[in-house]
Amino acid sequence: MNLLERLKYTFTTDLGIETREENPVARLNQYVRDAEVQTNEAKALLTRHRQLKQTIEEQLAQATALLEKRQQQCLLAEQTGEEDLITFAHAEMTVYTNRVNMLQQSVEEATATIIRLEQKYEAMKHKIEDMKIRQLQLMGYENNIRAERQMEAMLHPESKQQLSTKEEMERYLDLLQTPQASTIEVSSSLEERLAALEGTKLAKKA
């Protein structure tokens, strides 16, 4: 497996980023930039879904209010004995009951979707942070190779041995391919729920 394939395997397995640079460090820099763009796009989609959920919740509140209104009107119509109004009120109650049920289901589905998207968004952010750490590691390793070469050239000018940056980089990238455990934190709304649970526990202790 050549250098390009190793870099692509290590840093872009889940991101689908194409390579456009020849230098390993420059290539990795491009990977990080592309990953940040994708993460920002995911954030925008997540924000959009939250807005859609809010709109659904507003419609649910309106439908619930209208259902309660029709229920009260139906009681008044039954008290007066006006059959046409009773029939109309019952029909309206059926319509709004179905609408409330449908909107409640939509809210539940939107909530579950947001939680799932938040988890993936947080995972993407952690992926970028891991890539930035590897970016620093690779930059440091490259700098070390250059420093070692210059020092050896001055201290041992008689030596004809030349360090191969490409080969050293390939060996280093082999090490980076080793799977690393990454702790994925929960998203903002999940953090709030955990904080609420923690607050409840502290209150019980008090």
N, C-alpha and C. Protein backbone atom coordinates (compact mmCIF):
# COMPACT_ATOMS: atom_id res chain seq x y z
N MET A 1 0.86 -1.20 0.00
CA MET A 1 0.00 0.00 0.00
C MET A 1 0.89 1.24 0.00
N ASN A 2 0.71 2.14 -0.98
CA ASN A 2 1.58 3.31 -1.07
C ASN A 2 1.19 4.39 -0.07
N LEU A 3 1.97 5.47 -0.06
CA LEU A 3 1.77 6.54 0.92
C LEU A 3 0.39 7.17 0.81
N LEU A 4 -0.05 7.43 -0.42
CA LEU A 4 -1.36 8.04 -0.63
C LEU A 4 -2.47 7.18 -0.07
N GLU A 5 -2.40 5.87 -0.32
CA GLU A 5 -3.43 4.96 0.18
C GLU A 5 -3.43 4.89 1.69
N ARG A 6 -2.24 4.91 2.31
CA ARG A 6 -2.16 4.85 3.76
C ARG A 6 -2.79 6.10 4.39
N LEU A 7 -2.49 7.25 3.84
CA LEU A 7 -3.08 8.49 4.37
C LEU A 7 -4.60 8.48 4.22
N LYS A 8 -5.04 8.05 3.06
CA LYS A 8 -6.48 8.03 2.83
C LYS A 8 -7.16 7.06 3.78
N TYR A 9 -6.53 5.90 4.03
CA TYR A 9 -7.11 4.91 4.95
C TYR A 9 -7.16 5.44 6.37
N THR A 10 -6.08 6.11 6.78
CA THR A 10 -5.97 6.55 8.17
C THR A 10 -6.92 7.67 8.50
N PHE A 11 -7.02 8.65 7.63
CA PHE A 11 -7.71 9.88 7.99
C PHE A 11 -9.07 10.09 7.33
N THR A 12 -9.44 9.27 6.35
CA THR A 12 -10.67 9.58 5.62
C THR A 12 -11.60 8.40 5.47
N THR A 13 -11.47 7.40 6.31
CA THR A 13 -12.31 6.21 6.19
C THR A 13 -13.79 6.55 6.22
N ASP A 14 -14.18 7.40 7.18
CA ASP A 14 -15.60 7.72 7.36
C ASP A 14 -15.99 9.06 6.76
N LEU A 15 -15.05 9.77 6.14
CA LEU A 15 -15.35 11.12 5.66
C LEU A 15 -15.45 11.21 4.14
N GLY A 16 -14.92 10.24 3.41
CA GLY A 16 -15.04 10.26 1.96
C GLY A 16 -14.31 11.42 1.33
N ILE A 17 -13.15 11.83 1.87
CA ILE A 17 -12.42 12.99 1.34
C ILE A 17 -11.43 12.52 0.28
N GLU A 18 -11.35 13.25 -0.82
CA GLU A 18 -10.43 12.91 -1.88
C GLU A 18 -9.11 13.64 -1.67
N THR A 19 -8.02 13.02 -2.12
CA THR A 19 -6.72 13.64 -1.97
C THR A 19 -6.44 14.59 -3.12
N ARG A 20 -5.78 15.72 -2.77
CA ARG A 20 -5.46 16.71 -3.80
C ARG A 20 -4.04 17.24 -3.63
N GLU A 21 -3.31 16.83 -2.59
CA GLU A 21 -1.97 17.33 -2.33
C GLU A 21 -0.97 16.18 -2.44
N GLU A 22 0.28 16.52 -2.74
CA GLU A 22 1.32 15.51 -2.82
C GLU A 22 2.07 15.37 -1.51
N ASN A 23 2.32 16.48 -0.79
CA ASN A 23 3.03 16.44 0.47
C ASN A 23 2.14 15.87 1.56
N PRO A 24 2.67 14.92 2.39
CA PRO A 24 1.83 14.30 3.43
C PRO A 24 1.20 15.30 4.38
N VAL A 25 2.00 16.27 4.87
CA VAL A 25 1.46 17.27 5.79
C VAL A 25 0.42 18.13 5.10
N ALA A 26 0.71 18.57 3.87
CA ALA A 26 -0.24 19.40 3.13
C ALA A 26 -1.51 18.63 2.85
N ARG A 27 -1.37 17.33 2.58
CA ARG A 27 -2.53 16.49 2.32
C ARG A 27 -3.40 16.40 3.57
N LEU A 28 -2.76 16.19 4.70
CA LEU A 28 -3.50 16.08 5.95
C LEU A 28 -4.18 17.41 6.30
N ASN A 29 -3.48 18.52 6.03
CA ASN A 29 -4.10 19.83 6.25
C ASN A 29 -5.38 19.97 5.43
N GLN A 30 -5.35 19.47 4.20
CA GLN A 30 -6.53 19.54 3.34
C GLN A 30 -7.63 18.64 3.88
N TYR A 31 -7.26 17.48 4.41
CA TYR A 31 -8.25 16.59 5.01
C TYR A 31 -8.98 17.27 6.15
N VAL A 32 -8.20 17.95 7.00
CA VAL A 32 -8.79 18.63 8.15
C VAL A 32 -9.74 19.74 7.68
N ARG A 33 -9.31 20.51 6.68
CA ARG A 33 -10.17 21.59 6.17
C ARG A 33 -11.47 21.02 5.59
N ASP A 34 -11.34 19.94 4.81
CA ASP A 34 -12.54 19.33 4.22
C ASP A 34 -13.47 18.78 5.31
N ALA A 35 -12.88 18.17 6.34
CA ALA A 35 -13.68 17.61 7.42
C ALA A 35 -14.41 18.72 8.17
N GLU A 36 -13.76 19.86 8.35
CA GLU A 36 -14.39 20.99 9.03
C GLU A 36 -15.56 21.53 8.21
N VAL A 37 -15.40 21.56 6.89
CA VAL A 37 -16.49 22.00 6.02
C VAL A 37 -17.69 21.06 6.15
N GLN A 38 -17.42 19.76 6.11
CA GLN A 38 -18.49 18.77 6.22
C GLN A 38 -19.17 18.86 7.59
N THR A 39 -18.38 19.10 8.63
CA THR A 39 -18.95 19.20 9.98
C THR A 39 -19.83 20.44 10.10
N ASN A 40 -19.41 21.54 9.51
CA ASN A 40 -20.23 22.76 9.53
C ASN A 40 -21.53 22.56 8.75
N GLU A 41 -21.45 21.83 7.66
CA GLU A 41 -22.67 21.52 6.90
C GLU A 41 -23.61 20.66 7.73
N ALA A 42 -23.05 19.69 8.44
CA ALA A 42 -23.87 18.84 9.31
C ALA A 42 -24.51 19.66 10.42
N LYS A 43 -23.77 20.63 10.95
CA LYS A 43 -24.31 21.50 11.99
C LYS A 43 -25.49 22.31 11.46
N ALA A 44 -25.37 22.80 10.22
CA ALA A 44 -26.46 23.58 9.62
C ALA A 44 -27.70 22.71 9.44
N LEU A 45 -27.52 21.46 9.02
CA LEU A 45 -28.65 20.55 8.85
C LEU A 45 -29.30 20.22 10.20
N LEU A 46 -28.47 20.06 11.22
CA LEU A 46 -28.99 19.79 12.56
C LEU A 46 -29.80 20.98 13.07
N THR A 47 -29.28 22.17 12.85
CA THR A 47 -30.01 23.39 13.25
C THR A 47 -31.33 23.48 12.52
N ARG A 48 -31.32 23.16 11.24
CA ARG A 48 -32.55 23.18 10.44
C ARG A 48 -33.58 22.20 11.00
N HIS A 49 -33.12 21.01 11.41
CA HIS A 49 -34.05 20.01 11.93
C HIS A 49 -34.64 20.47 13.26
N ARG A 50 -33.84 21.14 14.06
CA ARG A 50 -34.37 21.69 15.32
C ARG A 50 -35.44 22.74 15.05
N GLN A 51 -35.23 23.55 14.03
CA GLN A 51 -36.22 24.56 13.67
C GLN A 51 -37.52 23.92 13.19
N LEU A 52 -37.36 22.84 12.40
CA LEU A 52 -38.55 22.13 11.92
C LEU A 52 -39.33 21.53 13.09
N LYS A 53 -38.60 20.97 14.06
CA LYS A 53 -39.26 20.42 15.23
C LYS A 53 -40.03 21.51 15.98
N GLN A 54 -39.41 22.67 16.10
CA GLN A 54 -40.07 23.78 16.79
C GLN A 54 -41.34 24.19 16.07
N THR A 55 -41.30 24.20 14.74
CA THR A 55 -42.49 24.54 13.96
C THR A 55 -43.60 23.52 14.18
N ILE A 56 -43.22 22.24 14.20
CA ILE A 56 -44.21 21.18 14.45
C ILE A 56 -44.82 21.34 15.83
N GLU A 57 -43.98 21.66 16.83
CA GLU A 57 -44.48 21.84 18.19
C GLU A 57 -45.45 23.02 18.26
N GLU A 58 -45.18 24.08 17.50
CA GLU A 58 -46.10 25.22 17.47
C GLU A 58 -47.44 24.83 16.86
N GLN A 59 -47.39 24.04 15.78
CA GLN A 59 -48.63 23.56 15.16
C GLN A 59 -49.39 22.63 16.11
N LEU A 60 -48.67 21.83 16.86
CA LEU A 60 -49.30 20.94 17.84
C LEU A 60 -50.02 21.75 18.90
N ALA A 61 -49.39 22.80 19.37
CA ALA A 61 -50.02 23.65 20.39
C ALA A 61 -51.29 24.30 19.84
N GLN A 62 -51.23 24.75 18.60
CA GLN A 62 -52.41 25.37 17.98
C GLN A 62 -53.54 24.35 17.82
N ALA A 63 -53.19 23.16 17.33
CA ALA A 63 -54.21 22.13 17.12
C ALA A 63 -54.82 21.70 18.46
N THR A 64 -54.00 21.61 19.50
CA THR A 64 -54.51 21.23 20.82
C THR A 64 -55.46 22.29 21.35
N ALA A 65 -55.11 23.55 21.15
CA ALA A 65 -55.98 24.64 21.60
C ALA A 65 -57.31 24.63 20.86
N LEU A 66 -57.27 24.37 19.55
CA LEU A 66 -58.51 24.33 18.77
C LEU A 66 -59.36 23.12 19.15
N LEU A 67 -58.70 22.00 19.46
CA LEU A 67 -59.44 20.83 19.89
C LEU A 67 -60.18 21.12 21.20
N GLU A 68 -59.49 21.75 22.13
CA GLU A 68 -60.14 22.10 23.41
C GLU A 68 -61.29 23.08 23.18
N LYS A 69 -61.11 23.99 22.25
CA LYS A 69 -62.17 24.96 21.95
C LYS A 69 -63.40 24.26 21.39
N ARG A 70 -63.18 23.33 20.45
CA ARG A 70 -64.30 22.60 19.86
C ARG A 70 -64.99 21.71 20.91
N GLN A 71 -64.23 21.17 21.84
CA GLN A 71 -64.82 20.35 22.90
C GLN A 71 -65.76 21.19 23.77
N GLN A 72 -65.34 22.38 24.10
CA GLN A 72 -66.18 23.28 24.89
C GLN A 72 -67.43 23.69 24.09
N GLN A 73 -67.23 23.98 22.80
CA GLN A 73 -68.37 24.36 21.96
C GLN A 73 -69.35 23.21 21.79
N CYS A 74 -68.81 21.99 21.74
CA CYS A 74 -69.68 20.82 21.62
C CYS A 74 -70.55 20.67 22.87
N LEU A 75 -69.99 20.92 24.04
CA LEU A 75 -70.77 20.85 25.28
C LEU A 75 -71.88 21.89 25.28
N LEU A 76 -71.56 23.09 24.82
CA LEU A 76 -72.58 24.15 24.75
C LEU A 76 -73.68 23.77 23.76
N ALA A 77 -73.29 23.20 22.62
CA ALA A 77 -74.27 22.80 21.61
C ALA A 77 -75.17 21.70 22.13
N GLU A 78 -74.60 20.77 22.89
CA GLU A 78 -75.40 19.68 23.46
C GLU A 78 -76.37 20.22 24.50
N GLN A 79 -75.94 21.25 25.22
CA GLN A 79 -76.82 21.84 26.22
C GLN A 79 -78.00 22.55 25.56
N THR A 80 -77.79 23.13 24.40
CA THR A 80 -78.87 23.84 23.69
C THR A 80 -79.71 22.90 22.84
N GLY A 81 -79.15 21.71 22.56
CA GLY A 81 -79.90 20.75 21.78
C GLY A 81 -79.93 21.04 20.29
N GLU A 82 -79.02 21.88 19.81
CA GLU A 82 -79.01 22.21 18.37
C GLU A 82 -78.18 21.14 17.65
N GLU A 83 -78.91 20.26 16.95
CA GLU A 83 -78.28 19.08 16.36
C GLU A 83 -77.24 19.43 15.29
N ASP A 84 -77.50 20.44 14.49
CA ASP A 84 -76.55 20.78 13.43
C ASP A 84 -75.22 21.25 14.02
N LEU A 85 -75.31 22.03 15.09
CA LEU A 85 -74.08 22.48 15.75
C LEU A 85 -73.36 21.33 16.45
N ILE A 86 -74.15 20.43 17.02
CA ILE A 86 -73.55 19.26 17.68
C ILE A 86 -72.80 18.41 16.66
N THR A 87 -73.44 18.18 15.52
CA THR A 87 -72.82 17.38 14.46
C THR A 87 -71.53 18.04 13.96
N PHE A 88 -71.60 19.36 13.75
CA PHE A 88 -70.42 20.09 13.28
C PHE A 88 -69.29 20.04 14.31
N ALA A 89 -69.64 20.25 15.57
CA ALA A 89 -68.63 20.25 16.63
C ALA A 89 -67.97 18.88 16.76
N HIS A 90 -68.75 17.81 16.67
CA HIS A 90 -68.19 16.46 16.75
C HIS A 90 -67.24 16.19 15.59
N ALA A 91 -67.64 16.63 14.39
CA ALA A 91 -66.78 16.43 13.22
C ALA A 91 -65.46 17.18 13.38
N GLU A 92 -65.57 18.41 13.90
CA GLU A 92 -64.36 19.21 14.13
C GLU A 92 -63.46 18.56 15.18
N MET A 93 -64.09 18.03 16.21
CA MET A 93 -63.31 17.36 17.26
C MET A 93 -62.55 16.17 16.70
N THR A 94 -63.17 15.43 15.79
CA THR A 94 -62.51 14.29 15.17
C THR A 94 -61.31 14.73 14.35
N VAL A 95 -61.52 15.79 13.58
CA VAL A 95 -60.43 16.31 12.74
C VAL A 95 -59.24 16.75 13.59
N TYR A 96 -59.50 17.52 14.63
CA TYR A 96 -58.41 18.04 15.46
C TYR A 96 -57.77 16.96 16.33
N THR A 97 -58.57 15.96 16.73
CA THR A 97 -57.99 14.84 17.48
C THR A 97 -56.99 14.10 16.63
N ASN A 98 -57.36 13.82 15.38
CA ASN A 98 -56.44 13.13 14.46
C ASN A 98 -55.20 13.98 14.19
N ARG A 99 -55.42 15.29 14.06
CA ARG A 99 -54.29 16.18 13.78
C ARG A 99 -53.34 16.24 14.97
N VAL A 100 -53.88 16.30 16.16
CA VAL A 100 -53.03 16.33 17.36
C VAL A 100 -52.22 15.04 17.48
N ASN A 101 -52.85 13.92 17.25
CA ASN A 101 -52.15 12.64 17.31
C ASN A 101 -51.02 12.57 16.29
N MET A 102 -51.31 13.05 15.07
CA MET A 102 -50.31 13.02 14.01
C MET A 102 -49.12 13.94 14.35
N LEU A 103 -49.43 15.12 14.87
CA LEU A 103 -48.37 16.06 15.21
C LEU A 103 -47.55 15.57 16.41
N GLN A 104 -48.21 14.93 17.37
CA GLN A 104 -47.48 14.37 18.51
C GLN A 104 -46.49 13.30 18.05
N GLN A 105 -46.92 12.47 17.11
CA GLN A 105 -46.03 11.45 16.57
C GLN A 105 -44.86 12.09 15.83
N SER A 106 -45.15 13.17 15.09
CA SER A 106 -44.09 13.87 14.36
C SER A 106 -43.07 14.48 15.31
N VAL A 107 -43.54 15.02 16.42
CA VAL A 107 -42.63 15.60 17.41
C VAL A 107 -41.73 14.52 18.00
N GLU A 108 -42.31 13.36 18.31
CA GLU A 108 -41.52 12.26 18.87
C GLU A 108 -40.47 11.78 17.87
N GLU A 109 -40.85 11.67 16.61
CA GLU A 109 -39.91 11.24 15.58
C GLU A 109 -38.81 12.27 15.38
N ALA A 110 -39.19 13.55 15.38
CA ALA A 110 -38.20 14.61 15.22
C ALA A 110 -37.23 14.63 16.38
N THR A 111 -37.74 14.40 17.59
CA THR A 111 -36.87 14.38 18.77
C THR A 111 -35.85 13.25 18.67
N ALA A 112 -36.31 12.07 18.28
CA ALA A 112 -35.41 10.93 18.14
C ALA A 112 -34.36 11.19 17.05
N THR A 113 -34.80 11.81 15.96
CA THR A 113 -33.87 12.13 14.87
C THR A 113 -32.82 13.12 15.32
N ILE A 114 -33.22 14.14 16.06
CA ILE A 114 -32.29 15.16 16.53
C ILE A 114 -31.25 14.55 17.46
N ILE A 115 -31.68 13.67 18.36
CA ILE A 115 -30.74 13.02 19.26
C ILE A 115 -29.71 12.21 18.46
N ARG A 116 -30.18 11.50 17.45
CA ARG A 116 -29.28 10.70 16.62
C ARG A 116 -28.30 11.59 15.85
N LEU A 117 -28.82 12.69 15.30
CA LEU A 117 -27.96 13.62 14.55
C LEU A 117 -26.96 14.32 15.46
N GLU A 118 -27.38 14.65 16.67
CA GLU A 118 -26.48 15.30 17.62
C GLU A 118 -25.32 14.37 17.98
N GLN A 119 -25.62 13.10 18.16
CA GLN A 119 -24.58 12.14 18.49
C GLN A 119 -23.56 12.02 17.36
N LYS A 120 -24.06 11.99 16.13
CA LYS A 120 -23.17 11.88 14.97
C LYS A 120 -22.38 13.18 14.78
N TYR A 121 -23.01 14.31 15.05
CA TYR A 121 -22.33 15.60 14.93
C TYR A 121 -21.18 15.69 15.94
N GLU A 122 -21.44 15.24 17.17
CA GLU A 122 -20.40 15.26 18.19
C GLU A 122 -19.26 14.31 17.80
N ALA A 123 -19.62 13.17 17.19
CA ALA A 123 -18.59 12.23 16.75
C ALA A 123 -17.73 12.85 15.66
N MET A 124 -18.34 13.62 14.77
CA MET A 124 -17.59 14.30 13.71
C MET A 124 -16.62 15.31 14.31
N LYS A 125 -17.06 16.05 15.35
CA LYS A 125 -16.19 17.03 15.98
C LYS A 125 -15.00 16.34 16.65
N HIS A 126 -15.25 15.21 17.29
CA HIS A 126 -14.16 14.46 17.91
C HIS A 126 -13.21 13.91 16.85
N LYS A 127 -13.77 13.52 15.71
CA LYS A 127 -12.94 13.03 14.60
C LYS A 127 -11.97 14.11 14.15
N ILE A 128 -12.46 15.35 14.05
CA ILE A 128 -11.60 16.46 13.64
C ILE A 128 -10.51 16.70 14.68
N GLU A 129 -10.88 16.67 15.95
CA GLU A 129 -9.88 16.89 17.00
C GLU A 129 -8.79 15.81 16.95
N ASP A 130 -9.19 14.56 16.70
CA ASP A 130 -8.21 13.49 16.57
C ASP A 130 -7.30 13.72 15.37
N MET A 131 -7.89 14.20 14.27
CA MET A 131 -7.10 14.48 13.08
C MET A 131 -6.12 15.61 13.33
N LYS A 132 -6.52 16.61 14.09
CA LYS A 132 -5.63 17.73 14.39
C LYS A 132 -4.46 17.28 15.26
N ILE A 133 -4.74 16.34 16.17
CA ILE A 133 -3.65 15.78 16.99
C ILE A 133 -2.66 15.03 16.10
N ARG A 134 -3.18 14.23 15.19
CA ARG A 134 -2.31 13.51 14.27
C ARG A 134 -1.58 14.48 13.35
N GLN A 135 -2.24 15.57 13.03
CA GLN A 135 -1.62 16.62 12.22
C GLN A 135 -0.37 17.16 12.92
N LEU A 136 -0.51 17.43 14.21
CA LEU A 136 0.63 17.92 15.00
C LEU A 136 1.71 16.85 15.10
N GLN A 137 1.28 15.60 15.28
CA GLN A 137 2.25 14.51 15.36
C GLN A 137 3.05 14.39 14.07
N LEU A 138 2.35 14.45 12.95
CA LEU A 138 3.02 14.31 11.66
C LEU A 138 3.94 15.48 11.39
N MET A 139 3.51 16.70 11.73
CA MET A 139 4.35 17.88 11.56
C MET A 139 5.59 17.78 12.43
N GLY A 140 5.41 17.31 13.68
CA GLY A 140 6.54 17.16 14.57
C GLY A 140 7.52 16.11 14.08
N TYR A 141 6.97 15.03 13.56
CA TYR A 141 7.84 13.96 13.07
C TYR A 141 8.63 14.41 11.85
N GLU A 142 7.95 15.13 10.96
CA GLU A 142 8.62 15.65 9.77
C GLU A 142 9.73 16.62 10.17
N ASN A 143 9.43 17.48 11.14
CA ASN A 143 10.43 18.45 11.60
C ASN A 143 11.62 17.74 12.24
N ASN A 144 11.32 16.66 12.97
CA ASN A 144 12.39 15.90 13.61
C ASN A 144 13.31 15.27 12.58
N ILE A 145 12.74 14.73 11.51
CA ILE A 145 13.55 14.12 10.46
C ILE A 145 14.48 15.14 9.84
N ARG A 146 13.95 16.34 9.55
CA ARG A 146 14.78 17.38 8.95
C ARG A 146 15.88 17.84 9.89
N ALA A 147 15.52 17.99 11.19
CA ALA A 147 16.52 18.42 12.17
C ALA A 147 17.62 17.37 12.30
N GLU A 148 17.22 16.10 12.38
CA GLU A 148 18.20 15.02 12.50
C GLU A 148 19.13 14.99 11.30
N ARG A 149 18.58 15.20 10.11
CA ARG A 149 19.38 15.17 8.89
C ARG A 149 20.41 16.30 8.90
N GLN A 150 19.98 17.50 9.28
CA GLN A 150 20.89 18.63 9.31
C GLN A 150 21.98 18.45 10.36
N MET A 151 21.60 17.94 11.55
CA MET A 151 22.58 17.73 12.61
C MET A 151 23.59 16.66 12.23
N GLU A 152 23.09 15.56 11.64
CA GLU A 152 24.00 14.49 11.23
C GLU A 152 24.95 14.96 10.15
N ALA A 153 24.45 15.82 9.25
CA ALA A 153 25.30 16.33 8.18
C ALA A 153 26.43 17.18 8.74
N MET A 154 26.16 17.92 9.81
CA MET A 154 27.19 18.77 10.41
C MET A 154 28.13 17.96 11.30
N LEU A 155 27.55 17.08 12.12
CA LEU A 155 28.37 16.32 13.07
C LEU A 155 29.17 15.21 12.41
N HIS A 156 28.61 14.62 11.37
CA HIS A 156 29.27 13.50 10.71
C HIS A 156 29.27 13.72 9.19
N PRO A 157 30.01 14.72 8.73
CA PRO A 157 30.02 15.01 7.28
C PRO A 157 30.60 13.88 6.46
N GLU A 158 31.39 12.99 7.12
CA GLU A 158 32.00 11.89 6.37
C GLU A 158 30.99 10.81 6.02
N SER A 159 29.87 10.83 6.75
CA SER A 159 28.86 9.79 6.51
C SER A 159 28.10 10.08 5.24
N LYS A 160 27.91 9.08 4.44
CA LYS A 160 27.19 9.23 3.17
C LYS A 160 25.73 8.78 3.30
N GLN A 161 25.37 8.31 4.49
CA GLN A 161 24.02 7.78 4.67
C GLN A 161 23.00 8.92 4.60
N GLN A 162 21.97 8.76 3.86
CA GLN A 162 20.92 9.75 3.70
C GLN A 162 19.61 9.21 4.28
N LEU A 163 18.98 10.03 5.09
CA LEU A 163 17.67 9.63 5.62
C LEU A 163 16.62 9.78 4.54
N SER A 164 15.72 8.83 4.46
CA SER A 164 14.64 8.89 3.48
C SER A 164 13.38 9.39 4.16
N THR A 165 13.02 10.64 3.88
CA THR A 165 11.83 11.23 4.50
C THR A 165 10.58 10.43 4.13
N LYS A 166 10.46 10.05 2.88
CA LYS A 166 9.27 9.34 2.45
C LYS A 166 9.14 8.00 3.18
N GLU A 167 10.25 7.26 3.28
CA GLU A 167 10.19 5.96 3.95
C GLU A 167 9.88 6.12 5.43
N GLU A 168 10.50 7.14 6.06
CA GLU A 168 10.22 7.38 7.48
C GLU A 168 8.77 7.76 7.67
N MET A 169 8.25 8.58 6.78
CA MET A 169 6.85 8.99 6.87
C MET A 169 5.93 7.79 6.73
N GLU A 170 6.26 6.89 5.79
CA GLU A 170 5.42 5.71 5.59
C GLU A 170 5.40 4.84 6.84
N ARG A 171 6.55 4.68 7.50
CA ARG A 171 6.59 3.89 8.72
C ARG A 171 5.76 4.55 9.83
N TYR A 172 5.87 5.87 9.89
CA TYR A 172 5.11 6.60 10.91
C TYR A 172 3.61 6.49 10.65
N LEU A 173 3.22 6.58 9.39
CA LEU A 173 1.80 6.48 9.05
C LEU A 173 1.27 5.09 9.32
N ASP A 174 2.14 4.08 9.22
CA ASP A 174 1.73 2.72 9.59
C ASP A 174 1.33 2.67 11.05
N LEU A 175 2.08 3.39 11.90
CA LEU A 175 1.74 3.44 13.31
C LEU A 175 0.43 4.15 13.54
N LEU A 176 0.17 5.20 12.78
CA LEU A 176 -1.07 5.95 12.95
C LEU A 176 -2.29 5.16 12.53
N GLN A 177 -2.08 4.10 11.72
CA GLN A 177 -3.22 3.31 11.27
C GLN A 177 -3.77 2.43 12.38
N THR A 178 -3.01 2.25 13.47
CA THR A 178 -3.50 1.41 14.57
C THR A 178 -4.76 2.02 15.14
N PRO A 179 -5.86 1.27 15.22
CA PRO A 179 -7.11 1.83 15.75
C PRO A 179 -6.91 2.40 17.13
N GLN A 180 -7.49 3.59 17.36
CA GLN A 180 -7.40 4.24 18.64
C GLN A 180 -8.79 4.46 19.20
N ALA A 181 -8.93 4.20 20.51
CA ALA A 181 -10.23 4.42 21.14
C ALA A 181 -10.50 5.90 21.24
N SER A 182 -11.70 6.29 20.94
CA SER A 182 -12.08 7.70 21.01
C SER A 182 -13.36 7.81 21.84
N THR A 183 -13.29 8.59 22.93
CA THR A 183 -14.45 8.80 23.78
C THR A 183 -15.35 9.84 23.15
N ILE A 184 -16.56 9.46 22.79
CA ILE A 184 -17.49 10.39 22.15
C ILE A 184 -18.43 10.95 23.19
N GLU A 185 -18.36 12.24 23.41
CA GLU A 185 -19.25 12.88 24.36
C GLU A 185 -20.63 13.06 23.76
N VAL A 186 -21.61 13.20 24.60
CA VAL A 186 -22.96 13.39 24.12
C VAL A 186 -23.16 14.82 23.70
N SER A 187 -24.24 15.07 22.98
CA SER A 187 -24.50 16.38 22.44
C SER A 187 -25.13 17.29 23.47
N SER A 188 -25.37 18.52 23.05
CA SER A 188 -25.82 19.54 23.97
C SER A 188 -27.11 19.18 24.70
N SER A 189 -28.13 18.73 23.97
CA SER A 189 -29.40 18.42 24.62
C SER A 189 -29.26 17.22 25.54
N LEU A 190 -28.43 16.26 25.16
CA LEU A 190 -28.19 15.11 26.02
C LEU A 190 -27.40 15.53 27.26
N GLU A 191 -26.47 16.46 27.08
CA GLU A 191 -25.72 16.97 28.22
C GLU A 191 -26.66 17.63 29.23
N GLU A 192 -27.64 18.37 28.72
CA GLU A 192 -28.59 19.03 29.59
C GLU A 192 -29.39 18.02 30.40
N ARG A 193 -29.77 16.92 29.76
CA ARG A 193 -30.53 15.90 30.47
C ARG A 193 -29.68 15.22 31.54
N LEU A 194 -28.39 14.98 31.21
CA LEU A 194 -27.50 14.38 32.20
C LEU A 194 -27.28 15.33 33.37
N ALA A 195 -27.15 16.62 33.06
CA ALA A 195 -26.96 17.62 34.11
C ALA A 195 -28.19 17.68 35.01
N ALA A 196 -29.38 17.53 34.40
CA ALA A 196 -30.62 17.55 35.17
C ALA A 196 -30.68 16.35 36.12
N LEU A 197 -30.25 15.19 35.61
CA LEU A 197 -30.22 13.99 36.46
C LEU A 197 -29.25 14.18 37.62
N GLU A 198 -28.11 14.79 37.31
CA GLU A 198 -27.10 15.03 38.35
C GLU A 198 -27.64 15.98 39.41
N GLY A 199 -28.38 17.02 38.96
CA GLY A 199 -28.96 17.97 39.89
C GLY A 199 -30.00 17.32 40.77
N THR A 200 -30.79 16.40 40.20
CA THR A 200 -31.81 15.69 40.98
C THR A 200 -31.16 14.82 42.05
N LYS A 201 -30.04 14.16 41.69
CA LYS A 201 -29.34 13.30 42.64
C LYS A 201 -28.77 14.11 43.79
N LEU A 202 -28.20 15.27 43.48
CA LEU A 202 -27.62 16.12 44.52
C LEU A 202 -28.72 16.65 45.45
N ALA A 203 -29.88 16.96 44.86
CA ALA A 203 -31.00 17.48 45.66
C ALA A 203 -31.50 16.42 46.64
N LYS A 204 -31.53 15.16 46.20
CA LYS A 204 -31.98 14.08 47.08
C LYS A 204 -31.01 13.88 48.23
N LYS A 205 -29.69 14.00 47.94
CA LYS A 205 -28.69 13.87 48.99
C LYS A 205 -28.82 14.97 50.04
N ALA A 206 -29.16 16.19 49.55
CA ALA A 206 -29.30 17.32 50.47
C ALA A 206 -30.52 17.10 51.37
